[in-house]
Protein backbone atom coordinates (compact mmCIF):
# COMPACT_ATOMS: atom_id res chain seq x y z
CA UNK A 1 2.76 -35.50 -20.99
CA UNK A 2 0.74 -37.29 -18.16
CA UNK A 3 -1.82 -35.05 -16.55
CA UNK A 4 -2.63 -34.86 -13.09
CA UNK A 5 -5.89 -33.12 -12.28
CA UNK A 6 -5.43 -32.69 -8.85
CA UNK A 7 -1.90 -31.78 -9.07
CA UNK A 8 -2.69 -29.49 -12.32
CA UNK A 9 -5.20 -27.81 -10.19
CA UNK A 10 -3.24 -26.78 -7.19
CA UNK A 11 -0.50 -25.09 -10.00
CA UNK A 12 -3.33 -23.38 -11.52
CA UNK A 13 -4.80 -21.62 -8.03
CA UNK A 14 -1.58 -20.54 -6.78
CA UNK A 15 -0.55 -19.29 -10.03
CA UNK A 16 -3.58 -18.22 -11.64
CA UNK A 17 -1.47 -18.35 -14.91
CA UNK A 18 -3.50 -18.84 -18.17
CA UNK A 19 -0.83 -19.25 -21.19
CA UNK A 20 -2.81 -18.87 -24.22
CA UNK A 21 -2.48 -22.40 -26.52
CA UNK A 22 -5.04 -22.83 -29.31
CA UNK A 23 -4.46 -26.57 -30.07
CA UNK A 24 -4.11 -29.82 -28.24
CA UNK A 25 -1.11 -32.56 -29.69
CA UNK A 26 0.23 -35.57 -28.73
CA UNK A 27 2.72 -33.78 -26.91
CA UNK A 28 0.15 -30.69 -25.32
CA UNK A 29 -2.43 -33.38 -24.03
CA UNK A 30 -4.08 -30.71 -21.89
CA UNK A 31 -4.45 -27.02 -21.73
CA UNK A 32 -5.15 -24.80 -18.29
CA UNK A 33 -8.34 -22.97 -19.18
CA UNK A 34 -9.79 -21.13 -16.42
CA UNK A 35 -9.75 -20.47 -13.02
CA UNK A 36 -11.79 -18.78 -10.33
CA UNK A 37 -10.63 -18.60 -6.53
CA UNK A 38 -13.34 -17.39 -4.03
CA UNK A 39 -12.19 -17.80 -0.23
CA UNK A 40 -12.25 -21.17 0.46
CA UNK A 41 -13.81 -22.51 -2.93
CA UNK A 42 -11.60 -22.43 -6.50
CA UNK A 43 -12.86 -23.56 -9.94
CA UNK A 44 -10.31 -24.82 -12.23
CA UNK A 45 -10.95 -26.20 -15.97
CA UNK A 46 -9.04 -27.58 -18.46
CA UNK A 47 -8.89 -28.87 -21.92
CA UNK A 48 -7.67 -32.52 -22.48
CA UNK A 49 -6.87 -34.49 -25.41
CA UNK A 50 -8.91 -37.65 -25.25
CA UNK A 51 -9.44 -40.49 -27.53
CA UNK A 52 -10.70 -39.20 -30.68
CA UNK A 53 -11.64 -36.07 -29.17
CA UNK A 54 -10.72 -33.17 -27.11
CA UNK A 55 -12.67 -32.77 -23.51
CA UNK A 56 -13.50 -29.95 -21.04
CA UNK A 57 -12.89 -31.25 -17.56
CA UNK A 58 -13.90 -28.54 -14.77
CA UNK A 59 -13.09 -29.39 -10.85
CA UNK A 60 -13.96 -27.77 -7.67
CA UNK A 61 -11.69 -27.68 -4.64
CA UNK A 62 -12.00 -26.53 -1.11
CA UNK A 63 -9.45 -25.27 1.38
CA UNK A 64 -9.65 -26.67 4.81
CA UNK A 65 -6.69 -25.40 6.76
CA UNK A 66 -3.49 -24.67 4.22
CA UNK A 67 -4.49 -27.09 2.29
CA UNK A 68 -6.87 -27.63 -1.37
CA UNK A 69 -8.83 -30.73 -1.24
CA UNK A 70 -10.78 -31.62 -4.54
CA UNK A 71 -14.18 -32.72 -4.09
CA UNK A 72 -15.26 -33.71 -7.61
CA UNK A 73 -15.96 -32.25 -10.83
CA UNK A 74 -17.54 -32.71 -14.32
CA UNK A 75 -16.86 -32.31 -18.09
CA UNK A 76 -18.00 -33.26 -21.95
CA UNK A 77 -16.56 -32.86 -25.38
CA UNK A 78 -14.96 -29.95 -26.57
CA UNK A 79 -15.54 -28.09 -29.53
CA UNK A 80 -12.71 -28.31 -32.01
CA UNK A 81 -12.70 -24.28 -32.12
CA UNK A 82 -12.59 -24.38 -28.31
CA UNK A 83 -9.01 -22.86 -27.63
CA UNK A 84 -8.98 -20.43 -30.63
CA UNK A 85 -9.22 -16.53 -29.67
CA UNK A 86 -12.49 -15.51 -28.88
CA UNK A 87 -14.57 -13.85 -31.76
CA UNK A 88 -15.90 -10.09 -32.10
CA UNK A 89 -19.45 -12.05 -32.04
CA UNK A 90 -20.18 -15.32 -30.33
CA UNK A 91 -21.71 -17.75 -32.45
CA UNK A 92 -25.34 -18.84 -32.40
CA UNK A 93 -26.21 -21.46 -29.69
CA UNK A 94 -28.21 -22.24 -26.92
CA UNK A 95 -28.29 -19.97 -23.76
CA UNK A 96 -29.98 -20.22 -20.26
CA UNK A 97 -30.42 -16.60 -20.21
CA UNK A 98 -32.57 -15.03 -22.88
CA UNK A 99 -32.49 -11.77 -21.20
CA UNK A 100 -29.17 -10.84 -22.05
CA UNK A 101 -27.32 -10.55 -25.63
CA UNK A 102 -26.37 -13.74 -26.86
CA UNK A 103 -23.69 -12.34 -29.38
CA UNK A 104 -21.81 -10.91 -26.35
CA UNK A 105 -22.29 -13.58 -23.24
CA UNK A 106 -23.29 -17.05 -22.52
CA UNK A 107 -23.75 -19.81 -20.39
CA UNK A 108 -22.20 -23.25 -21.77
CA UNK A 109 -22.08 -25.50 -18.91
CA UNK A 110 -22.58 -25.74 -14.82
CA UNK A 111 -22.30 -28.17 -12.26
CA UNK A 112 -21.97 -28.31 -8.33
CA UNK A 113 -20.97 -30.96 -5.79
CA UNK A 114 -21.94 -31.15 -1.62
CA UNK A 115 -19.10 -30.45 0.43
CA UNK A 116 -19.74 -32.19 3.70
CA UNK A 117 -16.95 -30.56 5.35
CA UNK A 118 -15.27 -33.85 5.45
CA UNK A 119 -17.59 -35.06 8.05
CA UNK A 120 -18.67 -38.90 8.56
CA UNK A 121 -21.43 -38.40 10.66
CA UNK A 122 -24.17 -36.74 8.46
CA UNK A 123 -22.75 -37.41 5.36
CA UNK A 124 -26.06 -35.58 3.36
CA UNK A 125 -25.17 -32.37 5.17
CA UNK A 126 -23.10 -29.44 4.09
CA UNK A 127 -23.21 -26.71 1.83
CA UNK A 128 -23.45 -26.80 -1.86
CA UNK A 129 -20.80 -25.10 -4.31
CA UNK A 130 -21.97 -24.32 -7.69
CA UNK A 131 -19.78 -23.42 -11.07
CA UNK A 132 -20.90 -22.19 -14.20
CA UNK A 133 -19.07 -21.39 -17.94
CA UNK A 134 -19.56 -18.11 -18.81
CA UNK A 135 -18.71 -17.45 -22.51
CA UNK A 136 -18.08 -13.98 -23.66
CA UNK A 137 -16.82 -12.33 -26.70
CA UNK A 138 -13.46 -10.24 -27.90
CA UNK A 139 -15.29 -7.00 -26.07
CA UNK A 140 -15.53 -7.99 -22.46
CA UNK A 141 -12.02 -7.89 -20.37
CA UNK A 142 -13.63 -9.12 -16.96
CA UNK A 143 -16.70 -11.30 -15.33
CA UNK A 144 -17.19 -9.69 -12.06
CA UNK A 145 -19.28 -11.66 -9.49
CA UNK A 146 -19.30 -10.37 -6.19
CA UNK A 147 -16.65 -7.91 -6.36
CA UNK A 148 -14.34 -10.32 -7.69
CA UNK A 149 -13.21 -9.61 -11.33
CA UNK A 150 -12.39 -12.67 -13.35
CA UNK A 151 -10.05 -11.51 -16.40
CA UNK A 152 -11.32 -12.97 -19.73
CA UNK A 153 -8.81 -15.56 -21.15
CA UNK A 154 -7.65 -15.51 -24.72
CA UNK A 155 -10.56 -18.17 -25.60
CA UNK A 156 -13.27 -16.28 -23.80
CA UNK A 157 -14.59 -18.97 -21.77
CA UNK A 158 -14.63 -18.07 -17.86
CA UNK A 159 -15.61 -20.29 -14.75
CA UNK A 160 -17.60 -19.02 -11.74
CA UNK A 161 -17.57 -20.88 -8.25
CA UNK A 162 -20.22 -20.02 -6.07
CA UNK A 163 -21.74 -21.30 -2.69
CA UNK A 164 -25.08 -21.73 -1.58
CA UNK A 165 -28.76 -22.18 -3.59
CA UNK A 166 -29.02 -18.76 -4.23
CA UNK A 167 -28.45 -17.37 -8.37
CA UNK A 168 -25.53 -15.07 -8.42
CA UNK A 169 -25.72 -11.78 -10.17
CA UNK A 170 -22.70 -11.25 -12.97
CA UNK A 171 -21.69 -8.00 -14.72
CA UNK A 172 -19.91 -8.39 -18.02
CA UNK A 173 -17.25 -5.48 -18.29
CA UNK A 174 -15.93 -3.95 -21.44
CA UNK A 175 -12.21 -3.56 -21.88
CA UNK A 176 -12.81 0.68 -21.40
CA UNK A 177 -14.67 -0.72 -18.21
CA UNK A 178 -18.20 -0.05 -19.33
CA UNK A 179 -21.30 -2.44 -18.52
CA UNK A 180 -22.00 -4.69 -21.29
CA UNK A 181 -24.74 -7.01 -19.95
CA UNK A 182 -25.84 -7.90 -16.50
CA UNK A 183 -27.50 -11.07 -15.28
CA UNK A 184 -27.68 -13.86 -12.75
CA UNK A 185 -26.51 -17.39 -12.69
CA UNK A 186 -28.92 -19.96 -11.25
CA UNK A 187 -27.28 -22.74 -8.98
CA UNK A 188 -26.63 -26.42 -10.36
CA UNK A 189 -29.20 -27.90 -7.95
């Protein structure tokens, strides 16, 4: 099965549907993992089968007029259990935020791109678009950023996108709606 990152990102932005799949194979070479759309920016994340390993790929897109354009992205190796259903307690691991409970939530990666608005006259100027991968345990239903509720997929990893150089406040909500954690995501730049 061929994988066109831009076409699959557009499909994911339009549908916002994530179908649980716990493994990749020769027949299923990629799985949409997460999406966040905020005004005219979107971030998509996929698991993809590569040579000898699975990889996570994250893409940043912007809407210009009525069309989405891919600006760039990043990725890296993916743990073998990354598509498994999320655990009740996150396994121990590094977290960029020591002020919250790492058994409930942690960040697992970040990046960003400069959006010059397709201007060629001043190529070094524009707005910075950030993304961060937030991983949560099975108790969490939503990650809330700037009033938008991002539903947590089966594997517990969400992407959060935002514009600018300032940190963004994140609230983590339980299934019953109570606040479990609150912390700031730092810009990638």
